[in-house]
Amino acid sequence: MNGGEIVVPAGSLMRVLVLLLYAPVCLAVFRWSIPRLSLGYRLLAIVMLAAQILILAVGLEDTPRWILKGWLWHLDQEWNIPSTFASTQLAVISGAALTTALLARAYRPYYRLYMGGIGLFFLFLAWDEYFTLHENDLALEAIYIASGIVIAGATLLAAARSPRSARLWHICLLAGMALNVIGAMAVDALPQICKRLGSLQLEGCLRFYNLEESFEFLGVWLILVAVLGRLTELAPKLRRFALLFLLVLPVCWILLLTNDAWRPRLELRFIAQPASIAFETGLHLHGYSLDWDAESVAIWLYPSAWRSIYRELGFSVHLVDQASGESIASRNIHAQPQFHLLLAPVYAHVYRQEIAVAIPPETPVNRAYWITLSVWRDEGAGFVIQKVLESDHQLLSKTQVILGELALPAASAVSFVPLAEFGDGYTLGMVDLPKSARPGTAFTVSFAWRANVAGGEDLVQFLHFGHVDSGEWWVYDQQPLGPRLPTRLWYSGLSESEIWEVPLPAELAPGNYKVLTGLYRMSDKERIPASDVDGRLFADARVPLGNLTIEGA
């Protein structure tokens, strides 16, 4: 009491209103309807009722005891526990109605069509309940109203043509639909009331969306009881099969709804390549997967960010020629925030973002390309590229991360006569060395290579020039096919040639030089054993190419 006025907490008053709604309806249903269900369906109905009562009890709590409760159990938010349960309850109705239509083969065709229509209608409602399709399409509301009128009319007609014992289920279904209509159209329109309600002084505000959700929860449960009742009567011989299906259905439906919540984390753990890359605005890339063929590159990203930020971001993927640094193909795409169970409004989800980049048909083959990723933010007036703050991957620039690399294979092979075998996988073709050259100039020589195994490590090819008279050596090294195709990207079946431009130092002494070549690993500088076509090893893993005369000035 406060100065003669009764002070009532708004939360307590709302709980009383919900109790006044549930108590008479549940008593009536448990008195006349529940006992007529088979045992399995009875337990299913009771469990669904208990679940919604638990959700309402937690959701109507005045002061959340932990920080995430206010979001997870909020009755007027999307993609949380109440919305997931509401969608699941509608899906169970759909499953029960469709099962009735499928199994009640001995019953009248029009009635099976009627139950099938109910099943499809509630299946769409279940999907819409979670993904809120109607909020983006106002025409859906008109469709729902029209569909509800059709179902109500069909239910009245079915009740008139059904035995008296079955009319209870039609009444239950109509009552459930009426509660949904009252909640959605009448209770939802009530304004929020604060401070006073008649002669009562309120502590806090009376928020009628809680009562609206209670009407809808209870109405849907009545419809579920009605459909389970018809399933009990129309398919008594297949109760065990139908019950098993209806018990598994909620689990499958919840997994389907939350697919975008658990699937990215599962793929990230078992399939994706791990990464730790932080961009501006708080986006963090935890992993990715790459796949490609001659026509396209497919990329799956697993980033996380606050949902409010993620919806403003976008991704750019480029294929960059490693030799020239030019982008030969690219794709820009806005981030696609998936709908799934939210732990909190600002919870940083792990998303699954797929990007496909088409490779132009004229793209040169037997060349190395980097697959790079950039992140940008759509600020309305323009797109701002985000800097990379931290990365465990190589950067091409301050805003570009190298996720991988590829080489496009050539369809035709270069023909050549083998000269030497390196290790177990690479064959060098015959080399046509020029007879002479002058110091300070460059001479050209062509090398042809064939790979019988896939690469995996970087190899360097050397040319050793040994003066026949003085014994002095000069060395020139480069990658066998130049920077356009490192050996780590060689593939089984590769057959390609490269023309070298070998610059000679101006101070190179004139005379006759013997020329040898070979390969060594870039990582440890160890040479790769080399042998001739008959399997005889070359000394020092060096293949003789012939002699070169360096002319005097």
Protein backbone atom coordinates (compact mmCIF):
# COMPACT_ATOMS: atom_id res chain seq x y z
CA MET A 1 0.00 0.00 0.00
CA ASN A 2 1.17 3.52 -0.77
CA GLY A 3 -1.06 6.31 0.50
CA GLY A 4 -4.12 4.09 0.21
CA GLU A 5 -3.18 2.85 -3.25
CA ILE A 6 -2.26 -0.73 -4.03
CA VAL A 7 1.25 -1.02 -5.44
CA VAL A 8 1.69 -4.00 -7.74
CA PRO A 9 4.87 -5.02 -9.57
CA ALA A 10 4.11 -5.06 -13.29
CA GLY A 11 5.92 -8.39 -13.71
CA SER A 12 3.85 -10.05 -11.01
CA LEU A 13 0.63 -8.76 -12.55
CA MET A 14 1.64 -10.12 -15.96
CA ARG A 15 2.33 -13.54 -14.43
CA VAL A 16 -1.12 -13.48 -12.87
CA LEU A 17 -2.70 -12.66 -16.24
CA VAL A 18 -0.81 -15.52 -17.89
CA LEU A 19 -1.91 -17.89 -15.10
CA LEU A 20 -5.54 -16.80 -15.54
CA LEU A 21 -5.20 -17.62 -19.24
CA TYR A 22 -3.54 -21.00 -18.84
CA ALA A 23 -5.38 -22.40 -15.81
CA PRO A 24 -8.94 -22.75 -17.21
CA VAL A 25 -7.80 -23.82 -20.70
CA CYS A 26 -5.41 -26.48 -19.39
CA LEU A 27 -7.96 -27.78 -16.89
CA ALA A 28 -10.54 -28.18 -19.64
CA VAL A 29 -8.08 -29.88 -22.00
CA PHE A 30 -6.82 -32.26 -19.33
CA ARG A 31 -10.41 -33.06 -18.38
CA TRP A 32 -11.83 -33.82 -21.84
CA SER A 33 -9.04 -34.07 -24.44
CA ILE A 34 -5.78 -35.41 -23.03
CA PRO A 35 -7.29 -38.68 -21.70
CA ARG A 36 -8.49 -39.55 -25.22
CA LEU A 37 -4.99 -39.44 -26.67
CA SER A 38 -2.89 -42.58 -26.88
CA LEU A 39 -0.18 -42.79 -24.22
CA GLY A 40 2.67 -41.73 -26.48
CA TYR A 41 0.84 -38.73 -27.92
CA ARG A 42 -0.35 -37.80 -24.43
CA LEU A 43 3.24 -37.66 -23.19
CA LEU A 44 4.25 -35.63 -26.24
CA ALA A 45 1.48 -33.08 -25.58
CA ILE A 46 2.40 -32.82 -21.90
CA VAL A 47 6.10 -32.35 -22.67
CA MET A 48 5.34 -29.57 -25.16
CA LEU A 49 3.09 -27.85 -22.61
CA ALA A 50 5.71 -28.18 -19.87
CA ALA A 51 8.37 -26.74 -22.17
CA GLN A 52 6.33 -23.65 -23.00
CA ILE A 53 5.42 -23.11 -19.35
CA LEU A 54 9.12 -23.27 -18.46
CA ILE A 55 9.95 -20.78 -21.22
CA LEU A 56 7.21 -18.43 -20.02
CA ALA A 57 8.31 -18.75 -16.39
CA VAL A 58 11.89 -17.82 -17.22
CA GLY A 59 10.91 -15.20 -19.80
CA LEU A 60 8.55 -13.42 -17.41
CA GLU A 61 11.16 -13.13 -14.66
CA ASP A 62 11.51 -9.50 -13.60
CA THR A 63 15.25 -9.31 -13.03
CA PRO A 64 17.50 -11.62 -15.05
CA ARG A 65 20.03 -13.36 -12.84
CA TRP A 66 22.68 -13.60 -15.53
CA ILE A 67 23.62 -11.28 -18.33
CA LEU A 68 22.55 -13.40 -21.31
CA LYS A 69 19.19 -14.43 -19.90
CA GLY A 70 17.53 -11.20 -20.95
CA TRP A 71 18.27 -12.03 -24.57
CA LEU A 72 18.16 -15.82 -24.70
CA TRP A 73 14.73 -16.06 -23.07
CA HIS A 74 13.18 -12.76 -24.24
CA LEU A 75 9.67 -13.46 -25.48
CA ASP A 76 9.70 -10.69 -28.08
CA GLN A 77 13.07 -11.33 -29.73
CA GLU A 78 14.05 -13.47 -32.69
CA TRP A 79 16.49 -16.37 -33.01
CA ASN A 80 16.55 -17.23 -29.32
CA ILE A 81 15.07 -20.02 -27.19
CA PRO A 82 11.37 -18.90 -27.23
CA SER A 83 11.35 -18.29 -31.00
CA THR A 84 13.11 -21.61 -31.65
CA PHE A 85 10.59 -23.46 -29.49
CA ALA A 86 7.63 -21.67 -31.09
CA SER A 87 8.83 -22.70 -34.54
CA THR A 88 9.43 -26.26 -33.35
CA GLN A 89 5.93 -26.55 -31.90
CA LEU A 90 4.46 -25.44 -35.24
CA ALA A 91 6.66 -27.98 -37.03
CA VAL A 92 5.34 -30.79 -34.79
CA ILE A 93 1.78 -29.79 -35.71
CA SER A 94 2.76 -29.93 -39.37
CA GLY A 95 4.38 -33.33 -38.91
CA ALA A 96 1.35 -34.72 -37.08
CA ALA A 97 -1.09 -33.39 -39.70
CA LEU A 98 0.96 -34.67 -42.64
CA THR A 99 1.36 -38.04 -40.92
CA THR A 100 -2.40 -38.22 -40.48
CA ALA A 101 -2.96 -37.43 -44.14
CA LEU A 102 -0.41 -40.05 -45.16
CA LEU A 103 -1.43 -42.90 -42.85
CA ALA A 104 -5.21 -42.57 -42.75
CA ARG A 105 -5.61 -44.20 -46.17
CA ALA A 106 -8.90 -45.83 -45.35
CA TYR A 107 -10.48 -42.50 -44.52
CA ARG A 108 -12.26 -40.12 -46.85
CA PRO A 109 -9.97 -38.48 -49.47
CA TYR A 110 -11.29 -34.98 -48.81
CA TYR A 111 -10.40 -35.30 -45.12
CA ARG A 112 -6.90 -36.46 -45.92
CA LEU A 113 -6.57 -33.47 -48.24
CA TYR A 114 -7.81 -31.24 -45.43
CA MET A 115 -5.19 -32.61 -43.00
CA GLY A 116 -2.48 -32.33 -45.64
CA GLY A 117 -3.38 -28.68 -46.18
CA ILE A 118 -3.12 -28.02 -42.44
CA GLY A 119 0.26 -29.74 -42.41
CA LEU A 120 1.67 -27.64 -45.25
CA PHE A 121 0.25 -24.43 -43.83
CA PHE A 122 1.82 -24.98 -40.43
CA LEU A 123 5.08 -26.07 -41.99
CA PHE A 124 5.35 -22.69 -43.68
CA LEU A 125 4.30 -20.99 -40.43
CA ALA A 126 7.06 -22.86 -38.60
CA TRP A 127 9.65 -21.62 -41.08
CA ASP A 128 8.29 -18.07 -40.97
CA GLU A 129 8.17 -18.06 -37.18
CA TYR A 130 11.92 -18.42 -37.03
CA PHE A 131 13.03 -16.54 -40.13
CA THR A 132 10.37 -13.78 -39.89
CA LEU A 133 9.60 -13.77 -43.59
CA HIS A 134 6.36 -11.84 -43.06
CA GLU A 135 8.26 -8.82 -41.71
CA ASN A 136 9.77 -8.27 -45.16
CA ASP A 137 6.64 -9.16 -47.13
CA LEU A 138 3.39 -7.56 -46.00
CA ALA A 139 1.45 -9.62 -48.53
CA LEU A 140 2.13 -12.69 -46.41
CA GLU A 141 -0.05 -11.34 -43.62
CA ALA A 142 -3.01 -11.14 -45.99
CA ILE A 143 -2.25 -14.68 -47.16
CA TYR A 144 -2.17 -15.88 -43.56
CA ILE A 145 -5.54 -14.29 -42.81
CA ALA A 146 -7.09 -15.80 -45.93
CA SER A 147 -5.57 -19.20 -45.21
CA GLY A 148 -6.82 -19.06 -41.62
CA ILE A 149 -10.34 -18.32 -42.80
CA VAL A 150 -10.17 -21.22 -45.28
CA ILE A 151 -8.90 -23.63 -42.61
CA ALA A 152 -11.54 -22.47 -40.14
CA GLY A 153 -14.27 -22.98 -42.73
CA ALA A 154 -12.90 -26.38 -43.70
CA THR A 155 -12.74 -27.35 -40.02
CA LEU A 156 -16.40 -26.43 -39.49
CA LEU A 157 -17.35 -28.43 -42.56
CA ALA A 158 -15.26 -31.39 -41.41
CA ALA A 159 -16.84 -31.22 -37.95
CA ALA A 160 -20.32 -31.29 -39.46
CA ARG A 161 -19.50 -34.39 -41.50
CA SER A 162 -17.52 -36.21 -38.79
CA PRO A 163 -18.85 -38.47 -36.02
CA ARG A 164 -19.81 -36.69 -32.81
CA SER A 165 -16.86 -38.24 -31.00
CA ALA A 166 -14.45 -36.48 -33.38
CA ARG A 167 -15.97 -33.01 -33.03
CA LEU A 168 -14.05 -32.37 -29.83
CA TRP A 169 -10.83 -32.23 -31.85
CA HIS A 170 -12.29 -29.75 -34.32
CA ILE A 171 -13.48 -27.56 -31.45
CA CYS A 172 -10.00 -27.74 -29.93
CA LEU A 173 -8.42 -26.72 -33.23
CA LEU A 174 -10.79 -23.79 -33.70
CA ALA A 175 -10.18 -22.66 -30.11
CA GLY A 176 -6.43 -22.73 -30.72
CA MET A 177 -6.79 -20.67 -33.87
CA ALA A 178 -9.00 -18.20 -31.98
CA LEU A 179 -6.38 -17.76 -29.25
CA ASN A 180 -3.74 -17.07 -31.91
CA VAL A 181 -5.95 -14.47 -33.56
CA ILE A 182 -6.69 -12.79 -30.21
CA GLY A 183 -3.01 -12.70 -29.35
CA ALA A 184 -1.82 -11.42 -32.72
CA MET A 185 -4.58 -8.89 -33.46
CA ALA A 186 -6.00 -7.81 -30.12
CA VAL A 187 -3.41 -8.24 -27.38
CA ASP A 188 -0.54 -7.14 -29.61
CA ALA A 189 -2.34 -3.85 -30.27
CA LEU A 190 -2.53 -2.98 -26.56
CA PRO A 191 -0.21 -0.12 -25.60
CA GLN A 192 2.45 -0.51 -22.93
CA ILE A 193 1.09 0.65 -19.56
CA CYS A 194 3.36 2.23 -16.97
CA LYS A 195 2.76 3.69 -13.49
CA ARG A 196 -1.01 3.17 -13.26
CA LEU A 197 -3.64 0.65 -14.31
CA GLY A 198 -7.00 1.81 -13.01
CA SER A 199 -6.69 1.98 -9.23
CA LEU A 200 -3.43 0.02 -9.23
CA GLN A 201 -0.08 1.71 -9.03
CA LEU A 202 2.43 -0.24 -11.11
CA GLU A 203 6.07 -0.81 -10.40
CA GLY A 204 7.56 -0.92 -13.86
CA CYS A 205 5.66 -1.28 -17.12
CA LEU A 206 3.08 -3.81 -18.23
CA ARG A 207 4.37 -5.10 -21.57
CA PHE A 208 1.61 -6.90 -23.39
CA TYR A 209 3.91 -8.69 -25.85
CA ASN A 210 4.42 -11.18 -23.03
CA LEU A 211 0.69 -11.85 -22.92
CA GLU A 212 0.54 -11.98 -26.72
CA GLU A 213 3.20 -14.70 -26.81
CA SER A 214 1.30 -16.58 -24.10
CA PHE A 215 -1.88 -16.55 -26.20
CA GLU A 216 0.03 -17.79 -29.22
CA PHE A 217 1.91 -20.48 -27.28
CA LEU A 218 -1.29 -21.83 -25.77
CA GLY A 219 -3.25 -21.57 -29.03
CA VAL A 220 -0.62 -23.54 -30.92
CA TRP A 221 -0.61 -26.18 -28.18
CA LEU A 222 -4.39 -26.58 -28.49
CA ILE A 223 -4.01 -27.11 -32.23
CA LEU A 224 -1.31 -29.69 -31.55
CA VAL A 225 -3.61 -31.56 -29.16
CA ALA A 226 -6.37 -31.48 -31.77
CA VAL A 227 -4.14 -32.89 -34.53
CA LEU A 228 -2.74 -35.56 -32.21
CA GLY A 229 -6.31 -36.51 -31.35
CA ARG A 230 -7.22 -37.05 -34.99
CA LEU A 231 -3.99 -38.99 -35.54
CA THR A 232 -4.90 -41.23 -32.59
CA GLU A 233 -8.28 -42.07 -34.09
CA LEU A 234 -7.47 -42.24 -37.80
CA ALA A 235 -4.23 -44.23 -37.68
CA PRO A 236 -4.43 -46.44 -34.58
CA LYS A 237 -2.39 -49.29 -36.09
CA LEU A 238 0.61 -47.15 -36.89
CA ARG A 239 0.90 -45.28 -33.61
CA ARG A 240 4.42 -46.51 -32.86
CA PHE A 241 5.79 -45.40 -36.22
CA ALA A 242 4.04 -42.04 -36.08
CA LEU A 243 5.10 -41.44 -32.48
CA LEU A 244 8.73 -42.21 -33.26
CA PHE A 245 8.59 -39.75 -36.16
CA LEU A 246 7.03 -37.03 -34.00
CA LEU A 247 9.58 -37.55 -31.23
CA VAL A 248 12.50 -37.26 -33.65
CA LEU A 249 10.98 -34.34 -35.55
CA PRO A 250 11.65 -31.62 -32.89
CA VAL A 251 15.31 -32.58 -32.68
CA CYS A 252 15.71 -32.58 -36.46
CA TRP A 253 13.83 -29.31 -36.79
CA ILE A 254 15.96 -27.56 -34.18
CA LEU A 255 19.12 -28.82 -35.89
CA LEU A 256 17.77 -27.49 -39.19
CA LEU A 257 16.94 -24.08 -37.73
CA THR A 258 20.26 -23.76 -35.98
CA ASN A 259 22.20 -25.17 -38.91
CA ASP A 260 24.03 -21.88 -39.42
CA ALA A 261 25.05 -21.87 -35.77
CA TRP A 262 26.61 -25.33 -35.41
CA ARG A 263 27.60 -26.17 -38.98
CA PRO A 264 30.29 -23.47 -39.40
CA ARG A 265 31.91 -24.43 -36.10
CA LEU A 266 31.80 -28.12 -37.01
CA GLU A 267 33.34 -27.51 -40.43
CA LEU A 268 35.88 -25.15 -38.89
CA ARG A 269 36.99 -27.86 -36.50
CA PHE A 270 37.18 -30.81 -38.87
CA ILE A 271 37.39 -29.52 -42.46
CA ALA A 272 38.66 -25.96 -42.71
CA GLN A 273 42.27 -24.87 -42.71
CA PRO A 274 42.84 -22.90 -39.49
CA ALA A 275 43.78 -19.24 -39.61
CA SER A 276 44.11 -16.32 -37.24
CA ILE A 277 43.61 -13.10 -39.18
CA ALA A 278 42.22 -9.94 -37.59
CA PHE A 279 40.86 -7.04 -39.65
CA GLU A 280 39.69 -3.60 -38.69
CA THR A 281 36.13 -3.27 -37.34
CA GLY A 282 36.60 -6.46 -35.31
CA LEU A 283 36.21 -9.14 -37.98
CA HIS A 284 38.34 -12.20 -37.30
CA LEU A 285 38.93 -15.00 -39.81
CA HIS A 286 39.26 -18.34 -38.01
CA GLY A 287 39.61 -20.62 -41.03
CA TYR A 288 38.83 -21.25 -44.68
CA SER A 289 38.61 -23.95 -47.33
CA LEU A 290 39.65 -23.75 -50.97
CA ASP A 291 38.71 -25.77 -54.01
CA TRP A 292 39.23 -25.07 -57.68
CA ASP A 293 39.15 -26.42 -61.20
CA ALA A 294 39.89 -24.93 -64.61
CA GLU A 295 36.74 -22.78 -64.53
CA SER A 296 36.38 -21.39 -61.01
CA VAL A 297 37.75 -21.11 -57.50
CA ALA A 298 35.41 -21.86 -54.58
CA ILE A 299 36.21 -20.40 -51.18
CA TRP A 300 34.49 -21.00 -47.84
CA LEU A 301 35.33 -18.46 -45.16
CA TYR A 302 34.66 -18.85 -41.44
CA PRO A 303 34.76 -15.32 -40.00
CA SER A 304 33.32 -13.99 -36.77
CA ALA A 305 32.11 -10.51 -35.89
CA TRP A 306 29.31 -8.81 -34.05
CA ARG A 307 26.16 -9.17 -36.12
CA SER A 308 25.56 -5.42 -36.24
CA ILE A 309 28.99 -4.94 -37.80
CA TYR A 310 29.06 -8.04 -39.97
CA ARG A 311 26.04 -6.96 -42.00
CA GLU A 312 27.99 -3.85 -43.13
CA LEU A 313 31.03 -5.78 -44.35
CA GLY A 314 31.99 -7.40 -47.62
CA PHE A 315 34.71 -9.61 -49.05
CA SER A 316 36.93 -9.33 -52.12
CA VAL A 317 38.76 -12.32 -53.54
CA HIS A 318 41.39 -11.88 -56.25
CA LEU A 319 43.51 -14.23 -58.32
CA VAL A 320 46.84 -12.45 -58.60
CA ASP A 321 49.58 -13.43 -61.07
CA GLN A 322 52.66 -14.04 -58.93
CA ALA A 323 55.06 -12.92 -61.65
CA SER A 324 53.33 -9.69 -62.73
CA GLY A 325 51.30 -8.86 -59.60
CA GLU A 326 48.20 -8.25 -61.72
CA SER A 327 44.72 -9.46 -60.77
CA ILE A 328 43.32 -11.70 -63.49
CA ALA A 329 39.96 -12.49 -61.82
CA SER A 330 38.04 -11.19 -58.82
CA ARG A 331 34.73 -11.34 -56.98
CA ASN A 332 33.18 -8.85 -54.54
CA ILE A 333 30.35 -9.97 -52.29
CA HIS A 334 28.50 -8.52 -49.31
CA ALA A 335 28.63 -10.45 -46.08
CA GLN A 336 25.60 -12.69 -45.63
CA PRO A 337 24.54 -12.80 -41.95
CA GLN A 338 22.83 -16.14 -41.38
CA PHE A 339 19.78 -16.51 -39.16
CA HIS A 340 20.52 -18.66 -36.17
CA LEU A 341 20.28 -18.93 -32.43
CA LEU A 342 21.81 -15.84 -30.87
CA LEU A 343 23.54 -16.05 -27.52
CA ALA A 344 23.40 -12.29 -27.16
CA PRO A 345 22.70 -9.23 -29.34
CA VAL A 346 26.43 -8.56 -29.74
CA TYR A 347 27.64 -12.17 -29.73
CA ALA A 348 30.37 -12.72 -32.33
CA HIS A 349 29.13 -15.67 -34.37
CA VAL A 350 31.21 -17.85 -36.61
CA TYR A 351 29.63 -17.41 -40.03
CA ARG A 352 29.98 -19.50 -43.15
CA GLN A 353 30.57 -17.35 -46.22
CA GLU A 354 30.89 -18.92 -49.66
CA ILE A 355 32.53 -17.07 -52.54
CA ALA A 356 33.04 -18.40 -56.09
CA VAL A 357 35.42 -16.69 -58.50
CA ALA A 358 35.08 -17.48 -62.21
CA ILE A 359 38.38 -17.96 -64.04
CA PRO A 360 38.35 -16.32 -67.50
CA PRO A 361 38.85 -18.82 -70.34
CA GLU A 362 41.82 -16.85 -71.69
CA THR A 363 43.74 -17.06 -68.40
CA PRO A 364 47.34 -18.20 -69.10
CA VAL A 365 48.11 -21.74 -67.97
CA ASN A 366 51.23 -23.04 -66.22
CA ARG A 367 51.42 -19.88 -64.18
CA ALA A 368 51.23 -19.41 -60.43
CA TYR A 369 48.38 -17.38 -58.96
CA TRP A 370 47.80 -16.21 -55.42
CA ILE A 371 44.31 -16.37 -53.94
CA THR A 372 43.98 -13.21 -51.87
CA LEU A 373 41.29 -11.94 -49.52
CA SER A 374 40.36 -8.37 -48.62
CA VAL A 375 37.62 -7.09 -46.35
CA TRP A 376 35.75 -3.86 -46.95
CA ARG A 377 33.04 -1.92 -45.16
CA ASP A 378 30.02 -0.42 -46.88
CA GLU A 379 29.65 3.09 -45.47
CA GLY A 380 26.93 4.19 -47.86
CA ALA A 381 28.97 6.81 -49.64
CA GLY A 382 31.69 4.34 -50.51
CA PHE A 383 33.53 1.15 -49.67
CA VAL A 384 36.42 1.39 -47.23
CA ILE A 385 39.08 -1.33 -47.42
CA GLN A 386 39.95 -2.66 -43.96
CA LYS A 387 43.54 -3.04 -42.84
CA VAL A 388 44.88 -6.34 -41.59
CA LEU A 389 45.82 -5.91 -37.94
CA GLU A 390 47.20 -9.38 -37.22
CA SER A 391 47.80 -12.39 -39.44
CA ASP A 392 49.44 -15.78 -39.31
CA HIS A 393 49.34 -15.83 -43.13
CA GLN A 394 51.52 -14.00 -45.63
CA LEU A 395 50.31 -10.54 -46.66
CA LEU A 396 50.42 -9.25 -50.22
CA SER A 397 49.70 -5.73 -48.95
CA LYS A 398 48.41 -4.08 -45.78
CA THR A 399 44.87 -5.02 -46.81
CA GLN A 400 45.39 -8.29 -48.72
CA VAL A 401 45.94 -11.70 -47.16
CA ILE A 402 47.22 -14.62 -49.23
CA LEU A 403 44.98 -17.60 -48.50
CA GLY A 404 46.47 -19.97 -51.06
CA GLU A 405 47.93 -20.41 -54.50
CA LEU A 406 47.26 -22.47 -57.57
CA ALA A 407 48.57 -23.28 -61.01
CA LEU A 408 46.30 -23.87 -63.98
CA PRO A 409 47.47 -27.00 -65.89
CA ALA A 410 48.08 -26.92 -69.62
CA ALA A 411 46.19 -29.27 -71.90
CA SER A 412 49.13 -29.92 -74.27
CA ALA A 413 52.64 -31.03 -73.42
CA VAL A 414 56.04 -29.85 -74.68
CA SER A 415 57.88 -32.60 -76.54
CA PHE A 416 61.54 -33.11 -75.71
CA VAL A 417 64.33 -35.67 -75.57
CA PRO A 418 65.24 -36.52 -71.95
CA LEU A 419 68.71 -35.63 -70.76
CA ALA A 420 68.65 -36.20 -67.01
CA GLU A 421 66.42 -37.41 -64.18
CA PHE A 422 66.27 -35.54 -60.86
CA GLY A 423 65.17 -37.55 -57.86
CA ASP A 424 62.09 -39.62 -58.63
CA GLY A 425 59.94 -37.02 -60.28
CA TYR A 426 61.55 -34.42 -62.58
CA THR A 427 63.07 -34.88 -66.06
CA LEU A 428 65.26 -32.33 -67.83
CA GLY A 429 65.20 -32.28 -71.64
CA MET A 430 68.13 -31.83 -74.00
CA VAL A 431 69.60 -28.32 -73.85
CA ASP A 432 70.93 -26.43 -76.89
CA LEU A 433 73.72 -24.30 -75.45
CA PRO A 434 75.18 -21.51 -77.61
CA LYS A 435 78.81 -21.91 -78.65
CA SER A 436 80.00 -18.48 -77.56
CA ALA A 437 79.06 -15.29 -75.76
CA ARG A 438 80.67 -11.97 -74.82
CA PRO A 439 81.20 -10.58 -71.28
CA GLY A 440 78.71 -7.90 -70.22
CA THR A 441 76.01 -9.30 -72.50
CA ALA A 442 73.33 -11.92 -72.04
CA PHE A 443 72.83 -15.14 -73.86
CA THR A 444 69.63 -17.20 -74.13
CA VAL A 445 69.20 -20.85 -73.38
CA SER A 446 66.00 -22.88 -73.25
CA PHE A 447 65.23 -25.52 -70.63
CA ALA A 448 62.40 -28.04 -70.97
CA TRP A 449 61.03 -29.86 -67.91
CA ARG A 450 58.62 -32.68 -67.26
CA ALA A 451 57.12 -33.54 -63.84
CA ASN A 452 55.96 -37.05 -63.03
CA VAL A 453 54.90 -36.15 -59.47
CA ALA A 454 53.31 -33.14 -57.84
CA GLY A 455 55.62 -30.53 -56.36
CA GLY A 456 55.53 -29.37 -52.78
CA GLU A 457 58.78 -27.59 -52.14
CA ASP A 458 60.71 -24.80 -53.78
CA LEU A 459 63.68 -25.86 -55.90
CA VAL A 460 66.28 -23.65 -57.55
CA GLN A 461 68.15 -24.49 -60.75
CA PHE A 462 71.80 -23.51 -60.99
CA LEU A 463 74.23 -22.99 -63.87
CA HIS A 464 77.91 -23.52 -63.06
CA PHE A 465 80.51 -22.11 -65.44
CA GLY A 466 84.00 -23.53 -64.87
CA HIS A 467 87.00 -22.03 -66.63
CA VAL A 468 88.86 -24.94 -68.22
CA ASP A 469 92.32 -23.38 -67.80
CA SER A 470 92.16 -21.37 -64.56
CA GLY A 471 89.64 -23.54 -62.68
CA GLU A 472 87.64 -20.45 -61.59
CA TRP A 473 83.86 -20.76 -61.33
CA TRP A 474 80.95 -18.44 -61.97
CA VAL A 475 77.41 -19.32 -60.83
CA TYR A 476 73.96 -18.22 -61.95
CA ASP A 477 70.75 -19.41 -60.18
CA GLN A 478 67.02 -19.01 -60.78
CA GLN A 479 63.83 -21.05 -60.60
CA PRO A 480 63.58 -23.63 -63.42
CA LEU A 481 60.52 -22.02 -65.02
CA GLY A 482 61.18 -18.59 -63.59
CA PRO A 483 58.89 -16.83 -61.09
CA ARG A 484 55.82 -17.64 -63.17
CA LEU A 485 55.64 -21.25 -61.88
CA PRO A 486 57.63 -22.26 -58.76
CA THR A 487 58.31 -25.97 -58.39
CA ARG A 488 56.08 -26.17 -55.30
CA LEU A 489 53.14 -25.80 -57.70
CA TRP A 490 54.30 -28.26 -60.32
CA TYR A 491 51.73 -30.96 -60.99
CA SER A 492 52.01 -34.53 -62.23
CA GLY A 493 52.00 -34.42 -66.02
CA LEU A 494 53.51 -30.94 -66.29
CA SER A 495 55.54 -30.45 -69.47
CA GLU A 496 56.84 -26.94 -70.01
CA SER A 497 59.86 -24.97 -71.18
CA GLU A 498 61.43 -21.67 -70.19
CA ILE A 499 63.84 -19.42 -72.04
CA TRP A 500 66.54 -18.06 -69.74
CA GLU A 501 68.25 -14.75 -70.29
CA VAL A 502 71.62 -15.31 -68.59
CA PRO A 503 73.49 -12.03 -68.00
CA LEU A 504 77.28 -12.36 -68.05
CA PRO A 505 79.36 -10.06 -65.84
CA ALA A 506 81.58 -7.62 -67.70
CA GLU A 507 84.64 -8.77 -65.78
CA LEU A 508 84.18 -12.46 -66.71
CA ALA A 509 87.53 -13.79 -67.92
CA PRO A 510 87.60 -14.91 -71.55
CA GLY A 511 88.25 -18.51 -72.40
CA ASN A 512 86.59 -21.88 -72.62
CA TYR A 513 84.05 -22.80 -69.90
CA LYS A 514 82.40 -26.10 -69.14
CA VAL A 515 78.71 -25.61 -68.21
CA LEU A 516 76.78 -27.79 -65.74
CA THR A 517 73.30 -27.55 -64.26
CA GLY A 518 71.30 -29.06 -61.41
CA LEU A 519 68.67 -28.48 -58.75
CA TYR A 520 68.84 -27.75 -55.05
CA ARG A 521 66.23 -27.26 -52.33
CA MET A 522 65.71 -23.66 -51.33
CA SER A 523 65.07 -24.66 -47.72
CA ASP A 524 68.38 -26.38 -46.93
CA LYS A 525 70.48 -25.77 -50.10
CA GLU A 526 70.86 -29.54 -50.59
CA ARG A 527 71.25 -30.67 -54.20
CA ILE A 528 68.83 -33.14 -55.79
CA PRO A 529 70.56 -36.30 -57.07
CA ALA A 530 70.73 -36.42 -60.87
CA SER A 531 71.23 -39.35 -63.24
CA ASP A 532 71.36 -39.93 -66.97
CA VAL A 533 68.67 -41.78 -68.94
CA ASP A 534 70.38 -45.09 -68.14
CA GLY A 535 70.27 -44.43 -64.39
CA ARG A 536 73.99 -43.55 -63.92
CA LEU A 537 74.45 -40.82 -61.30
CA PHE A 538 76.18 -37.62 -62.25
CA ALA A 539 79.04 -36.50 -60.01
CA ASP A 540 78.11 -33.79 -57.51
CA ALA A 541 74.48 -33.96 -58.80
CA ARG A 542 75.53 -31.77 -61.74
CA VAL A 543 74.48 -32.46 -65.33
CA PRO A 544 77.06 -31.51 -68.05
CA LEU A 545 75.54 -29.32 -70.76
CA GLY A 546 78.62 -28.71 -72.91
CA ASN A 547 81.14 -25.94 -73.37
CA LEU A 548 80.76 -22.18 -73.82
CA THR A 549 83.47 -19.90 -75.14
CA ILE A 550 83.65 -16.43 -73.63
CA GLU A 551 85.19 -14.16 -76.23
CA GLY A 552 87.75 -11.53 -75.41
CA ALA A 553 87.26 -7.82 -75.74
